[in-house]
């Protein structure tokens, strides 16, 4: 990506650097010298993409590494809905409980199916492997433990809809890969999912910088 100028205001001081990564909630900025800003500090930032395109935001320093700052930039509700597609997906290997949701005359019913293997997850959707092929537009409810078994902060539930399904011909495990879009998730689960994705994003970015 092309680098953009970022200015960070701290009191009467103005620090200027380059945006070297920007995706989802995370902004990475590089400076000529180690910035005198502590992790956890709120900062006011302005990013200039060109002379005609610039925007400001209130961020929080969530990590620092020599001349780099990692800034949490939480978008507004409108921006968040619009920008979900900008959030990266990460490979995982997690067993999840899934219920198919069907409509009957007496109301909405949920039918348990065996556990599935979630293979990647993002803010707006995920993919899982299942031995049978489900139809496109199948509605599902899923429960998965992203941070390990019995870790309360890692247990996440959401409603999904299958948007595509294809036979798994690459992994050697067989079955079918189902791509799903999140259709409903409550605030608590959304917060936990965003926190998990941000942690993964920060870890991978730091690892890439070391290579």
N, C-alpha and C. Protein backbone atom coordinates (compact mmCIF):
# COMPACT_ATOMS: atom_id res chain seq x y z
N UNK A 1 0.85 -1.19 0.00
CA UNK A 1 0.00 0.00 0.00
C UNK A 1 0.89 1.24 0.00
N UNK A 2 0.41 2.33 -0.56
CA UNK A 2 1.15 3.57 -0.52
C UNK A 2 1.04 4.17 0.87
N UNK A 3 2.10 4.82 1.33
CA UNK A 3 2.12 5.37 2.68
C UNK A 3 1.48 6.75 2.70
N UNK A 4 0.80 7.04 3.80
CA UNK A 4 0.17 8.33 3.97
C UNK A 4 0.76 9.00 5.21
N UNK A 5 0.68 10.32 5.24
CA UNK A 5 1.21 11.08 6.37
C UNK A 5 0.20 11.05 7.52
N UNK A 6 0.72 10.86 8.74
CA UNK A 6 -0.13 10.94 9.92
C UNK A 6 0.47 11.95 10.88
N UNK A 7 -0.38 12.79 11.46
CA UNK A 7 0.04 13.73 12.49
C UNK A 7 -0.70 13.38 13.78
N UNK A 8 0.04 13.28 14.87
CA UNK A 8 -0.53 12.94 16.17
C UNK A 8 -0.29 14.10 17.13
N UNK A 9 -1.36 14.56 17.72
CA UNK A 9 -1.26 15.68 18.65
C UNK A 9 -1.19 15.16 20.08
N UNK A 10 -0.17 15.60 20.81
CA UNK A 10 -0.02 15.28 22.23
C UNK A 10 0.29 16.58 22.96
N UNK A 11 -0.71 17.11 23.63
CA UNK A 11 -0.56 18.42 24.27
C UNK A 11 -0.29 19.47 23.21
N UNK A 12 0.79 20.22 23.37
CA UNK A 12 1.16 21.24 22.40
C UNK A 12 2.11 20.69 21.33
N UNK A 13 2.44 19.40 21.46
CA UNK A 13 3.37 18.78 20.53
C UNK A 13 2.64 18.16 19.35
N UNK A 14 3.28 18.16 18.18
CA UNK A 14 2.72 17.52 17.00
C UNK A 14 3.79 16.57 16.43
N UNK A 15 3.45 15.28 16.40
CA UNK A 15 4.36 14.28 15.83
C UNK A 15 3.90 13.92 14.43
N UNK A 16 4.85 13.79 13.52
CA UNK A 16 4.51 13.45 12.15
C UNK A 16 5.23 12.17 11.73
N UNK A 17 4.47 11.26 11.11
CA UNK A 17 5.04 10.00 10.66
C UNK A 17 4.34 9.50 9.42
N UNK A 18 4.54 8.22 9.14
CA UNK A 18 3.95 7.59 7.96
C UNK A 18 3.05 6.43 8.39
N UNK A 19 1.86 6.35 7.80
CA UNK A 19 0.98 5.20 8.01
C UNK A 19 1.52 4.06 7.16
N UNK A 20 1.92 2.97 7.83
CA UNK A 20 2.48 1.83 7.10
C UNK A 20 1.52 0.65 7.04
N UNK A 21 0.42 0.73 7.77
CA UNK A 21 -0.61 -0.32 7.72
C UNK A 21 -1.90 0.27 8.25
N UNK A 22 -3.01 -0.06 7.59
CA UNK A 22 -4.31 0.45 8.03
C UNK A 22 -5.38 -0.51 7.56
N UNK A 23 -6.01 -1.19 8.52
CA UNK A 23 -7.06 -2.14 8.18
C UNK A 23 -7.93 -2.37 9.41
N UNK A 24 -9.23 -2.39 9.21
CA UNK A 24 -10.13 -2.61 10.34
C UNK A 24 -9.96 -1.53 11.40
N UNK A 25 -9.74 -1.97 12.65
CA UNK A 25 -9.57 -1.05 13.77
C UNK A 25 -8.13 -0.61 13.99
N UNK A 26 -7.20 -1.15 13.22
CA UNK A 26 -5.79 -0.99 13.53
C UNK A 26 -5.06 -0.09 12.53
N UNK A 27 -4.29 0.84 13.08
CA UNK A 27 -3.41 1.70 12.28
C UNK A 27 -1.99 1.54 12.82
N UNK A 28 -1.04 1.27 11.94
CA UNK A 28 0.38 1.24 12.31
C UNK A 28 1.05 2.46 11.70
N UNK A 29 1.81 3.19 12.51
CA UNK A 29 2.49 4.39 12.03
C UNK A 29 3.96 4.32 12.43
N UNK A 30 4.83 4.75 11.53
CA UNK A 30 6.28 4.74 11.76
C UNK A 30 6.80 6.16 11.81
N UNK A 31 7.71 6.42 12.76
CA UNK A 31 8.25 7.76 12.97
C UNK A 31 9.78 7.70 12.85
N UNK A 32 10.40 8.87 12.66
CA UNK A 32 11.85 8.94 12.52
C UNK A 32 12.55 8.58 13.83
N UNK A 33 11.92 8.92 14.95
CA UNK A 33 12.49 8.62 16.28
C UNK A 33 11.42 7.95 17.13
N UNK A 34 11.83 7.36 18.23
CA UNK A 34 10.88 6.68 19.12
C UNK A 34 9.93 7.71 19.74
N UNK A 35 8.63 7.64 19.50
CA UNK A 35 7.69 8.63 20.03
C UNK A 35 7.58 8.53 21.55
N UNK A 36 7.52 9.68 22.20
CA UNK A 36 7.38 9.74 23.66
C UNK A 36 5.91 9.68 24.04
N UNK A 37 5.27 8.57 23.70
CA UNK A 37 3.86 8.35 24.00
C UNK A 37 3.75 6.97 24.64
N UNK A 38 2.94 6.86 25.69
CA UNK A 38 2.80 5.61 26.40
C UNK A 38 1.62 4.78 25.89
N UNK A 39 1.74 3.49 26.03
CA UNK A 39 0.64 2.60 25.68
C UNK A 39 -0.56 2.93 26.58
N UNK A 40 -1.73 3.01 25.98
CA UNK A 40 -2.95 3.35 26.72
C UNK A 40 -3.35 4.81 26.61
N UNK A 41 -2.44 5.64 26.10
CA UNK A 41 -2.75 7.07 25.96
C UNK A 41 -3.72 7.32 24.81
N UNK A 42 -4.73 8.17 25.04
CA UNK A 42 -5.59 8.61 23.92
C UNK A 42 -4.87 9.68 23.12
N UNK A 43 -5.05 9.66 21.81
CA UNK A 43 -4.39 10.64 20.94
C UNK A 43 -5.36 11.10 19.86
N UNK A 44 -5.15 12.33 19.43
CA UNK A 44 -5.92 12.86 18.31
C UNK A 44 -5.04 12.78 17.07
N UNK A 45 -5.58 12.17 16.02
CA UNK A 45 -4.78 11.90 14.83
C UNK A 45 -5.42 12.52 13.59
N UNK A 46 -4.56 12.88 12.66
CA UNK A 46 -5.02 13.31 11.34
C UNK A 46 -4.20 12.57 10.30
N UNK A 47 -4.90 11.90 9.37
CA UNK A 47 -4.24 11.18 8.30
C UNK A 47 -4.48 11.92 7.00
N UNK A 48 -3.40 12.16 6.25
CA UNK A 48 -3.51 12.86 4.98
C UNK A 48 -3.13 11.91 3.85
N UNK A 49 -4.09 11.56 3.05
CA UNK A 49 -3.85 10.70 1.90
C UNK A 49 -3.35 11.52 0.70
N UNK A 50 -3.81 12.74 0.64
CA UNK A 50 -3.39 13.68 -0.39
C UNK A 50 -3.74 15.07 0.10
N UNK A 51 -3.46 16.10 -0.68
CA UNK A 51 -3.80 17.46 -0.26
C UNK A 51 -5.32 17.65 -0.19
N UNK A 52 -6.05 16.81 -0.93
CA UNK A 52 -7.50 16.97 -0.97
C UNK A 52 -8.23 15.96 -0.08
N UNK A 53 -7.52 14.95 0.41
CA UNK A 53 -8.18 13.90 1.18
C UNK A 53 -7.49 13.72 2.52
N UNK A 54 -8.19 14.06 3.59
CA UNK A 54 -7.66 13.89 4.93
C UNK A 54 -8.82 13.64 5.90
N UNK A 55 -8.51 12.98 7.02
CA UNK A 55 -9.54 12.75 8.03
C UNK A 55 -8.89 12.70 9.41
N UNK A 56 -9.68 13.00 10.42
CA UNK A 56 -9.20 12.99 11.79
C UNK A 56 -9.95 11.93 12.58
N UNK A 57 -9.32 11.44 13.63
CA UNK A 57 -9.99 10.48 14.51
C UNK A 57 -9.33 10.49 15.88
N UNK A 58 -10.08 10.05 16.88
CA UNK A 58 -9.56 9.88 18.23
C UNK A 58 -9.13 8.43 18.36
N UNK A 59 -7.86 8.20 18.69
CA UNK A 59 -7.35 6.84 18.80
C UNK A 59 -6.76 6.57 20.17
N UNK A 60 -6.36 5.32 20.38
CA UNK A 60 -5.69 4.91 21.62
C UNK A 60 -4.46 4.10 21.24
N UNK A 61 -3.34 4.40 21.87
CA UNK A 61 -2.11 3.64 21.62
C UNK A 61 -2.24 2.28 22.31
N UNK A 62 -2.23 1.21 21.52
CA UNK A 62 -2.40 -0.12 22.12
C UNK A 62 -1.08 -0.89 22.17
N UNK A 63 -0.07 -0.44 21.45
CA UNK A 63 1.24 -1.08 21.49
C UNK A 63 2.25 -0.14 20.84
N UNK A 64 3.53 -0.35 21.18
CA UNK A 64 4.60 0.42 20.54
C UNK A 64 5.81 -0.47 20.40
N UNK A 65 6.62 -0.19 19.39
CA UNK A 65 7.79 -1.02 19.11
C UNK A 65 8.83 -0.14 18.43
N UNK A 66 9.83 0.30 19.19
CA UNK A 66 10.86 1.21 18.69
C UNK A 66 10.21 2.46 18.09
N UNK A 67 10.32 2.65 16.78
CA UNK A 67 9.78 3.87 16.17
C UNK A 67 8.35 3.69 15.66
N UNK A 68 7.71 2.57 16.01
CA UNK A 68 6.35 2.29 15.53
C UNK A 68 5.32 2.46 16.65
N UNK A 69 4.18 2.98 16.28
CA UNK A 69 3.02 3.03 17.17
C UNK A 69 1.89 2.24 16.54
N UNK A 70 1.15 1.51 17.37
CA UNK A 70 -0.03 0.78 16.91
C UNK A 70 -1.24 1.44 17.57
N UNK A 71 -2.12 1.97 16.74
CA UNK A 71 -3.22 2.81 17.21
C UNK A 71 -4.55 2.13 16.95
N UNK A 72 -5.36 2.05 18.01
CA UNK A 72 -6.73 1.53 17.87
C UNK A 72 -7.63 2.66 17.42
N UNK A 73 -8.25 2.48 16.27
CA UNK A 73 -9.13 3.49 15.68
C UNK A 73 -10.51 2.87 15.55
N UNK A 74 -11.40 3.21 16.47
CA UNK A 74 -12.75 2.67 16.44
C UNK A 74 -13.65 3.56 15.58
N UNK A 75 -14.20 3.03 14.49
CA UNK A 75 -15.04 3.85 13.61
C UNK A 75 -16.40 4.16 14.24
N UNK A 76 -17.08 5.14 13.69
CA UNK A 76 -18.45 5.42 14.12
C UNK A 76 -19.34 4.25 13.72
N UNK A 77 -20.56 4.21 14.23
CA UNK A 77 -21.48 3.12 13.91
C UNK A 77 -21.71 3.02 12.40
N UNK A 78 -21.92 4.16 11.76
CA UNK A 78 -22.15 4.16 10.31
C UNK A 78 -20.92 3.67 9.56
N UNK A 79 -19.74 4.15 9.96
CA UNK A 79 -18.49 3.71 9.32
C UNK A 79 -18.26 2.23 9.56
N UNK A 80 -18.58 1.77 10.77
CA UNK A 80 -18.37 0.38 11.12
C UNK A 80 -19.18 -0.55 10.22
N UNK A 81 -20.45 -0.20 10.02
CA UNK A 81 -21.30 -1.03 9.15
C UNK A 81 -20.79 -1.02 7.71
N UNK A 82 -20.32 0.13 7.28
CA UNK A 82 -19.86 0.27 5.91
C UNK A 82 -18.52 -0.43 5.69
N UNK A 83 -17.68 -0.45 6.74
CA UNK A 83 -16.30 -0.91 6.57
C UNK A 83 -16.05 -2.33 7.04
N UNK A 84 -17.09 -3.09 7.37
CA UNK A 84 -16.86 -4.45 7.85
C UNK A 84 -16.04 -5.27 6.87
N UNK A 85 -16.23 -5.01 5.58
CA UNK A 85 -15.49 -5.78 4.57
C UNK A 85 -14.00 -5.50 4.64
N UNK A 86 -13.58 -4.41 5.31
CA UNK A 86 -12.16 -4.08 5.42
C UNK A 86 -11.46 -4.89 6.50
N UNK A 87 -12.23 -5.58 7.33
CA UNK A 87 -11.62 -6.34 8.41
C UNK A 87 -11.07 -7.66 7.88
N UNK A 88 -9.83 -7.99 8.21
CA UNK A 88 -9.22 -9.21 7.68
C UNK A 88 -9.82 -10.47 8.29
N UNK A 89 -9.67 -11.59 7.57
CA UNK A 89 -10.03 -12.89 8.11
C UNK A 89 -8.76 -13.63 8.51
N UNK A 90 -8.88 -14.48 9.53
CA UNK A 90 -7.73 -15.22 10.02
C UNK A 90 -8.03 -16.71 10.03
N UNK A 91 -7.02 -17.48 9.65
CA UNK A 91 -7.16 -18.93 9.68
C UNK A 91 -7.23 -19.41 11.12
N UNK A 92 -8.13 -20.34 11.37
CA UNK A 92 -8.27 -20.94 12.69
C UNK A 92 -8.53 -22.43 12.50
N UNK A 93 -8.53 -23.15 13.58
CA UNK A 93 -8.90 -24.57 13.56
C UNK A 93 -9.69 -24.81 14.84
N UNK A 94 -10.98 -24.52 14.78
CA UNK A 94 -11.82 -24.51 15.97
C UNK A 94 -13.07 -25.34 15.73
N UNK A 95 -13.37 -26.22 16.67
CA UNK A 95 -14.63 -26.96 16.61
C UNK A 95 -15.76 -26.05 17.11
N UNK A 96 -16.89 -26.09 16.43
CA UNK A 96 -18.01 -25.23 16.80
C UNK A 96 -19.31 -26.01 16.79
N UNK A 97 -20.23 -25.61 17.64
CA UNK A 97 -21.56 -26.19 17.66
C UNK A 97 -22.46 -25.36 16.75
N UNK A 98 -23.22 -26.02 15.90
CA UNK A 98 -24.07 -25.31 14.94
C UNK A 98 -25.50 -25.86 15.01
N UNK A 99 -26.44 -24.96 14.92
CA UNK A 99 -27.84 -25.31 14.80
C UNK A 99 -28.38 -24.74 13.50
N UNK A 100 -29.09 -25.55 12.74
CA UNK A 100 -29.78 -25.03 11.56
C UNK A 100 -31.11 -24.45 12.02
N UNK A 101 -31.45 -23.31 11.45
CA UNK A 101 -32.70 -22.64 11.80
C UNK A 101 -33.69 -22.85 10.67
N UNK A 102 -34.87 -23.39 11.00
CA UNK A 102 -35.90 -23.60 9.98
C UNK A 102 -37.23 -23.04 10.43
N UNK A 103 -38.07 -22.74 9.48
CA UNK A 103 -39.39 -22.18 9.81
C UNK A 103 -40.45 -23.27 9.69
N UNK A 104 -41.27 -23.40 10.73
CA UNK A 104 -42.42 -24.30 10.71
C UNK A 104 -43.65 -23.51 11.13
N UNK A 105 -44.79 -24.15 10.99
CA UNK A 105 -46.02 -23.41 11.27
C UNK A 105 -46.07 -22.90 12.70
N UNK A 106 -45.50 -23.68 13.63
CA UNK A 106 -45.55 -23.25 15.03
C UNK A 106 -44.49 -22.23 15.39
N UNK A 107 -43.66 -21.83 14.40
CA UNK A 107 -42.67 -20.79 14.66
C UNK A 107 -41.27 -21.23 14.27
N UNK A 108 -40.30 -20.43 14.69
CA UNK A 108 -38.91 -20.68 14.33
C UNK A 108 -38.37 -21.86 15.13
N UNK A 109 -37.79 -22.83 14.45
CA UNK A 109 -37.24 -24.01 15.09
C UNK A 109 -35.75 -24.10 14.82
N UNK A 110 -35.03 -24.71 15.76
CA UNK A 110 -33.60 -24.91 15.58
C UNK A 110 -33.28 -26.39 15.66
N UNK A 111 -32.51 -26.89 14.68
CA UNK A 111 -32.20 -28.30 14.58
C UNK A 111 -30.70 -28.49 14.73
N UNK A 112 -30.31 -29.29 15.73
CA UNK A 112 -28.89 -29.51 15.99
C UNK A 112 -28.27 -30.38 14.89
N UNK A 113 -27.08 -30.01 14.42
CA UNK A 113 -26.30 -30.88 13.54
C UNK A 113 -24.96 -31.10 14.22
N UNK A 114 -24.17 -32.11 13.81
CA UNK A 114 -22.89 -32.36 14.48
C UNK A 114 -21.98 -31.14 14.45
N UNK A 115 -20.93 -31.18 15.27
CA UNK A 115 -19.99 -30.06 15.30
C UNK A 115 -19.31 -29.89 13.94
N UNK A 116 -18.91 -28.66 13.66
CA UNK A 116 -18.22 -28.35 12.41
C UNK A 116 -16.84 -27.82 12.76
N UNK A 117 -15.97 -27.71 11.77
CA UNK A 117 -14.63 -27.17 11.96
C UNK A 117 -14.54 -25.80 11.31
N UNK A 118 -14.45 -24.77 12.13
CA UNK A 118 -14.30 -23.41 11.61
C UNK A 118 -12.85 -23.25 11.14
N UNK A 119 -12.68 -22.82 9.89
CA UNK A 119 -11.32 -22.74 9.32
C UNK A 119 -10.84 -21.30 9.13
N UNK A 120 -11.74 -20.33 9.09
CA UNK A 120 -11.32 -18.94 9.11
C UNK A 120 -12.45 -18.08 9.66
N UNK A 121 -12.10 -16.94 10.20
CA UNK A 121 -13.10 -16.10 10.83
C UNK A 121 -12.72 -14.63 10.63
N UNK A 122 -13.74 -13.81 10.40
CA UNK A 122 -13.58 -12.37 10.27
C UNK A 122 -14.75 -11.70 10.95
N UNK A 123 -14.81 -10.38 10.87
CA UNK A 123 -15.87 -9.67 11.56
C UNK A 123 -17.22 -9.88 10.89
N UNK A 124 -17.23 -9.97 9.57
CA UNK A 124 -18.51 -10.09 8.86
C UNK A 124 -18.90 -11.49 8.49
N UNK A 125 -18.02 -12.47 8.75
CA UNK A 125 -18.36 -13.83 8.36
C UNK A 125 -17.28 -14.82 8.71
N UNK A 126 -17.51 -16.07 8.34
CA UNK A 126 -16.55 -17.13 8.61
C UNK A 126 -16.76 -18.26 7.62
N UNK A 127 -15.86 -19.24 7.67
CA UNK A 127 -16.00 -20.44 6.84
C UNK A 127 -15.80 -21.66 7.72
N UNK A 128 -16.56 -22.71 7.45
CA UNK A 128 -16.38 -23.95 8.21
C UNK A 128 -16.45 -25.15 7.29
N UNK A 129 -15.86 -26.25 7.74
CA UNK A 129 -15.88 -27.52 7.02
C UNK A 129 -16.91 -28.43 7.68
N UNK A 130 -17.75 -29.05 6.86
CA UNK A 130 -18.77 -29.99 7.35
C UNK A 130 -18.87 -31.13 6.35
N UNK A 131 -19.11 -32.34 6.85
CA UNK A 131 -19.07 -33.52 5.99
C UNK A 131 -20.15 -33.53 4.91
N UNK A 132 -21.25 -32.83 5.16
CA UNK A 132 -22.33 -32.76 4.17
C UNK A 132 -22.41 -31.36 3.59
N UNK A 133 -23.00 -31.24 2.41
CA UNK A 133 -23.15 -29.93 1.78
C UNK A 133 -24.49 -29.33 2.16
N UNK A 134 -24.44 -28.14 2.73
CA UNK A 134 -25.66 -27.42 3.08
C UNK A 134 -26.05 -26.50 1.93
N UNK A 135 -27.33 -26.24 1.81
CA UNK A 135 -27.81 -25.39 0.73
C UNK A 135 -27.48 -23.92 0.98
N UNK A 136 -27.23 -23.20 -0.09
CA UNK A 136 -27.06 -21.76 0.01
C UNK A 136 -28.34 -21.16 0.60
N UNK A 137 -28.19 -20.14 1.44
CA UNK A 137 -29.27 -19.46 2.16
C UNK A 137 -29.73 -20.22 3.39
N UNK A 138 -29.08 -21.35 3.73
CA UNK A 138 -29.39 -22.03 4.98
C UNK A 138 -29.04 -21.10 6.14
N UNK A 139 -29.96 -20.96 7.09
CA UNK A 139 -29.72 -20.11 8.26
C UNK A 139 -29.18 -20.96 9.40
N UNK A 140 -28.18 -20.43 10.09
CA UNK A 140 -27.50 -21.18 11.14
C UNK A 140 -27.30 -20.31 12.38
N UNK A 141 -27.20 -20.99 13.51
CA UNK A 141 -26.71 -20.35 14.73
C UNK A 141 -25.44 -21.09 15.12
N UNK A 142 -24.38 -20.36 15.48
CA UNK A 142 -23.10 -21.00 15.77
C UNK A 142 -22.59 -20.57 17.14
N UNK A 143 -21.89 -21.49 17.80
CA UNK A 143 -21.25 -21.19 19.08
C UNK A 143 -19.84 -21.75 19.01
N UNK A 144 -18.84 -20.90 19.20
CA UNK A 144 -17.44 -21.33 19.09
C UNK A 144 -16.62 -20.70 20.20
N UNK A 145 -15.53 -21.38 20.58
CA UNK A 145 -14.63 -20.90 21.63
C UNK A 145 -13.29 -20.57 20.99
N UNK A 146 -13.13 -19.32 20.61
CA UNK A 146 -11.96 -18.92 19.85
C UNK A 146 -10.67 -18.94 20.66
N UNK A 147 -10.76 -18.71 21.96
CA UNK A 147 -9.56 -18.63 22.78
C UNK A 147 -9.30 -19.90 23.56
N UNK A 148 -10.04 -20.97 23.26
CA UNK A 148 -9.82 -22.22 23.98
C UNK A 148 -11.02 -22.61 24.81
N UNK A 149 -11.04 -23.83 25.23
CA UNK A 149 -12.17 -24.38 25.95
C UNK A 149 -12.35 -23.71 27.30
N UNK A 150 -13.60 -23.35 27.59
CA UNK A 150 -14.00 -22.79 28.88
C UNK A 150 -13.37 -21.43 29.19
N UNK A 151 -12.93 -20.72 28.16
CA UNK A 151 -12.47 -19.35 28.35
C UNK A 151 -13.64 -18.43 28.03
N UNK A 152 -14.21 -17.82 29.07
CA UNK A 152 -15.45 -17.07 28.90
C UNK A 152 -15.35 -15.98 27.85
N UNK A 153 -14.23 -15.24 27.87
CA UNK A 153 -14.08 -14.13 26.94
C UNK A 153 -13.90 -14.61 25.50
N UNK A 154 -13.61 -15.90 25.31
CA UNK A 154 -13.40 -16.40 23.96
C UNK A 154 -14.59 -17.12 23.38
N UNK A 155 -15.68 -17.26 24.16
CA UNK A 155 -16.87 -17.96 23.69
C UNK A 155 -17.78 -16.97 22.95
N UNK A 156 -18.05 -17.27 21.69
CA UNK A 156 -18.79 -16.33 20.84
C UNK A 156 -19.93 -17.04 20.13
N UNK A 157 -21.09 -16.41 20.10
CA UNK A 157 -22.24 -16.94 19.37
C UNK A 157 -22.76 -15.92 18.39
N UNK A 158 -23.30 -16.40 17.27
CA UNK A 158 -23.85 -15.50 16.24
C UNK A 158 -24.78 -16.29 15.34
N UNK A 159 -25.62 -15.57 14.62
CA UNK A 159 -26.46 -16.18 13.59
C UNK A 159 -25.81 -15.94 12.23
N UNK A 160 -25.88 -16.96 11.36
CA UNK A 160 -25.22 -16.91 10.06
C UNK A 160 -26.17 -17.29 8.95
N UNK A 161 -25.76 -17.01 7.71
CA UNK A 161 -26.44 -17.55 6.53
C UNK A 161 -25.35 -18.06 5.58
N UNK A 162 -25.58 -19.23 5.02
CA UNK A 162 -24.62 -19.81 4.08
C UNK A 162 -24.71 -19.07 2.75
N UNK A 163 -23.58 -18.54 2.25
CA UNK A 163 -23.60 -17.81 0.98
C UNK A 163 -22.94 -18.61 -0.15
N UNK A 164 -22.11 -19.60 0.21
CA UNK A 164 -21.60 -20.51 -0.82
C UNK A 164 -21.09 -21.78 -0.16
N UNK A 165 -21.07 -22.87 -0.90
CA UNK A 165 -20.59 -24.16 -0.39
C UNK A 165 -19.90 -24.89 -1.54
N UNK A 166 -18.71 -25.45 -1.26
CA UNK A 166 -17.99 -26.18 -2.30
C UNK A 166 -17.22 -27.34 -1.66
N UNK A 167 -16.97 -28.36 -2.46
CA UNK A 167 -16.26 -29.53 -1.97
C UNK A 167 -14.82 -29.16 -1.63
N UNK A 168 -14.32 -29.68 -0.51
CA UNK A 168 -12.95 -29.43 -0.09
C UNK A 168 -12.03 -30.41 -0.82
N UNK A 169 -11.32 -29.91 -1.82
CA UNK A 169 -10.44 -30.77 -2.61
C UNK A 169 -8.96 -30.51 -2.31
N UNK A 170 -8.66 -29.60 -1.36
CA UNK A 170 -7.28 -29.20 -1.13
C UNK A 170 -6.69 -29.73 0.17
N UNK A 171 -7.46 -29.81 1.23
CA UNK A 171 -6.90 -30.15 2.53
C UNK A 171 -6.66 -31.64 2.73
N UNK A 172 -7.36 -32.47 1.95
CA UNK A 172 -7.27 -33.91 2.14
C UNK A 172 -8.20 -34.43 3.23
N UNK A 173 -8.97 -33.54 3.85
CA UNK A 173 -9.88 -33.94 4.92
C UNK A 173 -11.26 -34.31 4.40
N UNK A 174 -11.56 -33.92 3.15
CA UNK A 174 -12.87 -34.19 2.60
C UNK A 174 -13.93 -33.24 3.14
N UNK A 175 -15.19 -33.54 2.83
CA UNK A 175 -16.27 -32.68 3.27
C UNK A 175 -16.46 -31.47 2.37
N UNK A 176 -17.17 -30.48 2.89
CA UNK A 176 -17.51 -29.29 2.12
C UNK A 176 -17.18 -28.03 2.92
N UNK A 177 -16.64 -27.04 2.23
CA UNK A 177 -16.34 -25.75 2.84
C UNK A 177 -17.54 -24.83 2.63
N UNK A 178 -18.04 -24.27 3.71
CA UNK A 178 -19.21 -23.38 3.67
C UNK A 178 -18.79 -21.97 4.06
N UNK A 179 -18.97 -21.02 3.18
CA UNK A 179 -18.73 -19.62 3.49
C UNK A 179 -20.00 -18.99 4.01
N UNK A 180 -19.92 -18.29 5.12
CA UNK A 180 -21.11 -17.75 5.77
C UNK A 180 -20.95 -16.27 6.09
N UNK A 181 -22.05 -15.58 6.07
CA UNK A 181 -22.10 -14.17 6.47
C UNK A 181 -22.82 -14.05 7.80
N UNK A 182 -22.31 -13.22 8.69
CA UNK A 182 -22.98 -12.97 9.97
C UNK A 182 -24.23 -12.14 9.72
N UNK A 183 -25.36 -12.63 10.19
CA UNK A 183 -26.62 -11.90 10.02
C UNK A 183 -27.07 -11.22 11.31
N UNK A 184 -26.65 -11.79 12.44
CA UNK A 184 -27.03 -11.18 13.72
C UNK A 184 -26.02 -11.58 14.79
N UNK A 185 -25.59 -10.58 15.57
CA UNK A 185 -24.67 -10.83 16.68
C UNK A 185 -24.90 -9.74 17.71
N UNK A 186 -25.00 -10.11 18.99
CA UNK A 186 -25.28 -9.10 20.00
C UNK A 186 -24.02 -8.31 20.34
N UNK A 187 -24.21 -7.23 21.08
CA UNK A 187 -23.10 -6.32 21.37
C UNK A 187 -21.96 -6.98 22.11
N UNK A 188 -22.26 -7.83 23.08
CA UNK A 188 -21.21 -8.49 23.87
C UNK A 188 -20.36 -9.41 22.99
N UNK A 189 -21.04 -10.22 22.16
CA UNK A 189 -20.31 -11.12 21.28
C UNK A 189 -19.52 -10.37 20.21
N UNK A 190 -20.09 -9.27 19.72
CA UNK A 190 -19.40 -8.45 18.72
C UNK A 190 -18.12 -7.86 19.32
N UNK A 191 -18.21 -7.40 20.56
CA UNK A 191 -17.03 -6.84 21.23
C UNK A 191 -15.94 -7.90 21.38
N UNK A 192 -16.33 -9.11 21.79
CA UNK A 192 -15.35 -10.18 21.98
C UNK A 192 -14.71 -10.59 20.66
N UNK A 193 -15.52 -10.62 19.59
CA UNK A 193 -14.99 -10.98 18.29
C UNK A 193 -14.02 -9.92 17.78
N UNK A 194 -14.37 -8.66 17.93
CA UNK A 194 -13.48 -7.58 17.50
C UNK A 194 -12.17 -7.61 18.30
N UNK A 195 -12.27 -7.90 19.60
CA UNK A 195 -11.08 -7.96 20.45
C UNK A 195 -10.16 -9.10 19.99
N UNK A 196 -10.74 -10.25 19.70
CA UNK A 196 -9.95 -11.40 19.24
C UNK A 196 -9.26 -11.08 17.91
N UNK A 197 -10.01 -10.52 16.96
CA UNK A 197 -9.46 -10.21 15.65
C UNK A 197 -8.36 -9.15 15.74
N UNK A 198 -8.55 -8.17 16.62
CA UNK A 198 -7.54 -7.13 16.79
C UNK A 198 -6.25 -7.73 17.35
N UNK A 199 -6.37 -8.64 18.32
CA UNK A 199 -5.19 -9.29 18.88
C UNK A 199 -4.44 -10.09 17.81
N UNK A 200 -5.19 -10.85 17.01
CA UNK A 200 -4.56 -11.63 15.94
C UNK A 200 -3.88 -10.73 14.92
N UNK A 201 -4.56 -9.64 14.58
CA UNK A 201 -4.04 -8.69 13.60
C UNK A 201 -2.73 -8.08 14.10
N UNK A 202 -2.72 -7.69 15.37
CA UNK A 202 -1.53 -7.07 15.96
C UNK A 202 -0.38 -8.07 16.02
N UNK A 203 -0.66 -9.31 16.41
CA UNK A 203 0.38 -10.35 16.49
C UNK A 203 0.99 -10.61 15.12
N UNK A 204 0.15 -10.75 14.10
CA UNK A 204 0.67 -11.05 12.77
C UNK A 204 1.46 -9.88 12.19
N UNK A 205 0.99 -8.67 12.48
CA UNK A 205 1.70 -7.49 11.97
C UNK A 205 3.07 -7.39 12.62
N UNK A 206 3.16 -7.63 13.92
CA UNK A 206 4.45 -7.57 14.62
C UNK A 206 5.39 -8.67 14.12
N UNK A 207 4.84 -9.87 13.89
CA UNK A 207 5.66 -10.96 13.39
C UNK A 207 6.20 -10.65 11.99
N UNK A 208 5.35 -10.05 11.15
CA UNK A 208 5.79 -9.69 9.80
C UNK A 208 6.88 -8.64 9.83
N UNK A 209 6.79 -7.73 10.80
CA UNK A 209 7.81 -6.68 10.90
C UNK A 209 9.17 -7.24 11.32
N UNK A 210 9.17 -8.39 12.03
CA UNK A 210 10.42 -8.98 12.49
C UNK A 210 11.11 -9.77 11.39
N UNK A 211 10.36 -10.16 10.37
CA UNK A 211 10.94 -10.99 9.31
C UNK A 211 11.84 -10.17 8.37
